[in-house]
Amino acid sequence: MANAAERVAALIEETVKSQGVELWDVKFLKEGANWYLRVFIDKTEGINIDDCTNVSHAIDPIIDEADPIDMP
């Protein structure tokens, strides 16, 4: 069975590509008392804040609906 980061990557990969960027990595990490899901994106000419905002708005509903993360 895939881990949380792999499940999220599979869910969002096509949507990220549709935003004109490449899905570089997905990590689900514990930092201190909290868990964080981080999505890393890239494109040839570099990423700007608008790219981050657009991708975030595009993938949030997908992740929320699928609820692919089982909390440890």
C-alpha atoms as a PDB file:
ATOM      1  CA  MET A   1       0.000   0.000   0.000  1.00  0.00           C
ATOM      2  CA  ALA A   2       1.307   3.452  -0.893  1.00  0.00           C
ATOM      3  CA  ASN A   3       2.202   5.929   1.794  1.00  0.00           C
ATOM      4  CA  ALA A   4       0.350   9.247   2.198  1.00  0.00           C
ATOM      5  CA  ALA A   5       2.782  11.237   0.040  1.00  0.00           C
ATOM      6  CA  GLU A   6       2.569   8.687  -2.795  1.00  0.00           C
ATOM      7  CA  ARG A   7      -1.242   8.672  -2.644  1.00  0.00           C
ATOM      8  CA  VAL A   8      -1.373  12.475  -2.781  1.00  0.00           C
ATOM      9  CA  ALA A   9       1.124  12.598  -5.665  1.00  0.00           C
ATOM     10  CA  ALA A  10      -0.974  10.165  -7.679  1.00  0.00           C
ATOM     11  CA  LEU A  11      -4.127  12.186  -7.013  1.00  0.00           C
ATOM     12  CA  ILE A  12      -2.731  15.594  -7.956  1.00  0.00           C
ATOM     13  CA  GLU A  13      -0.139  14.934 -10.673  1.00  0.00           C
ATOM     14  CA  GLU A  14      -2.390  15.653 -13.669  1.00  0.00           C
ATOM     15  CA  THR A  15      -3.921  18.732 -12.036  1.00  0.00           C
ATOM     16  CA  VAL A  16      -0.472  20.116 -11.248  1.00  0.00           C
ATOM     17  CA  LYS A  17       0.591  19.572 -14.881  1.00  0.00           C
ATOM     18  CA  SER A  18      -2.553  21.369 -16.050  1.00  0.00           C
ATOM     19  CA  GLN A  19      -1.293  24.432 -14.160  1.00  0.00           C
ATOM     20  CA  GLY A  20       1.824  24.511 -16.365  1.00  0.00           C
ATOM     21  CA  VAL A  21       4.240  23.222 -13.732  1.00  0.00           C
ATOM     22  CA  GLU A  22       5.905  19.918 -12.876  1.00  0.00           C
ATOM     23  CA  LEU A  23       5.210  17.973  -9.702  1.00  0.00           C
ATOM     24  CA  TRP A  24       8.691  17.637  -8.234  1.00  0.00           C
ATOM     25  CA  ASP A  25       7.949  15.882  -4.932  1.00  0.00           C
ATOM     26  CA  VAL A  26       5.372  15.373  -2.186  1.00  0.00           C
ATOM     27  CA  LYS A  27       6.374  14.912   1.446  1.00  0.00           C
ATOM     28  CA  PHE A  28       4.305  14.230   4.550  1.00  0.00           C
ATOM     29  CA  LEU A  29       6.538  15.000   7.500  1.00  0.00           C
ATOM     30  CA  LYS A  30       6.265  15.403  11.243  1.00  0.00           C
ATOM     31  CA  GLU A  31       7.869  18.588  12.519  1.00  0.00           C
ATOM     32  CA  GLY A  32       7.616  19.005  16.245  1.00  0.00           C
ATOM     33  CA  ALA A  33       4.093  18.083  17.307  1.00  0.00           C
ATOM     34  CA  ASN A  34       2.547  18.727  13.877  1.00  0.00           C
ATOM     35  CA  TRP A  35       2.341  16.914  10.545  1.00  0.00           C
ATOM     36  CA  TYR A  36       2.800  18.846   7.285  1.00  0.00           C
ATOM     37  CA  LEU A  37       1.993  17.946   3.706  1.00  0.00           C
ATOM     38  CA  ARG A  38       4.371  19.709   1.336  1.00  0.00           C
ATOM     39  CA  VAL A  39       4.001  19.730  -2.432  1.00  0.00           C
ATOM     40  CA  PHE A  40       7.069  20.767  -4.405  1.00  0.00           C
ATOM     41  CA  ILE A  41       6.639  22.143  -7.930  1.00  0.00           C
ATOM     42  CA  ASP A  42       9.010  23.434 -10.591  1.00  0.00           C
ATOM     43  CA  LYS A  43       9.153  24.742 -14.139  1.00  0.00           C
ATOM     44  CA  THR A  44      11.975  25.699 -16.465  1.00  0.00           C
ATOM     45  CA  GLU A  45      11.650  29.455 -16.014  1.00  0.00           C
ATOM     46  CA  GLY A  46      11.230  29.147 -12.235  1.00  0.00           C
ATOM     47  CA  ILE A  47       8.292  29.262  -9.875  1.00  0.00           C
ATOM     48  CA  ASN A  48       6.637  32.427  -8.631  1.00  0.00           C
ATOM     49  CA  ILE A  49       4.039  33.069  -5.951  1.00  0.00           C
ATOM     50  CA  ASP A  50       1.216  32.993  -8.512  1.00  0.00           C
ATOM     51  CA  ASP A  51       2.233  29.460  -9.526  1.00  0.00           C
ATOM     52  CA  CYS A  52       2.141  28.380  -5.884  1.00  0.00           C
ATOM     53  CA  THR A  53      -1.250  30.000  -5.335  1.00  0.00           C
ATOM     54  CA  ASN A  54      -2.759  28.520  -8.508  1.00  0.00           C
ATOM     55  CA  VAL A  55      -1.525  25.012  -7.762  1.00  0.00           C
ATOM     56  CA  SER A  56      -2.660  25.225  -4.147  1.00  0.00           C
ATOM     57  CA  HIS A  57      -6.163  26.336  -5.138  1.00  0.00           C
ATOM     58  CA  ALA A  58      -6.343  23.605  -7.800  1.00  0.00           C
ATOM     59  CA  ILE A  59      -5.232  20.708  -5.574  1.00  0.00           C
ATOM     60  CA  ASP A  60      -6.892  21.635  -2.270  1.00  0.00           C
ATOM     61  CA  PRO A  61     -10.366  20.385  -3.240  1.00  0.00           C
ATOM     62  CA  ILE A  62      -8.908  17.160  -4.681  1.00  0.00           C
ATOM     63  CA  ILE A  63      -7.040  16.372  -1.473  1.00  0.00           C
ATOM     64  CA  ASP A  64      -9.977  17.411   0.714  1.00  0.00           C
ATOM     65  CA  GLU A  65     -12.430  15.203  -1.187  1.00  0.00           C
ATOM     66  CA  ALA A  66     -10.173  12.144  -1.396  1.00  0.00           C
ATOM     67  CA  ASP A  67      -8.939  12.460   2.214  1.00  0.00           C
ATOM     68  CA  PRO A  68      -5.912  10.260   1.379  1.00  0.00           C
ATOM     69  CA  ILE A  69      -3.995  10.753   4.609  1.00  0.00           C
ATOM     70  CA  ASP A  70      -4.298   8.374   7.531  1.00  0.00           C
ATOM     71  CA  MET A  71      -2.906  10.185  10.542  1.00  0.00           C
ATOM     72  CA  PRO A  72      -0.229   8.201  12.347  1.00  0.00           C
END
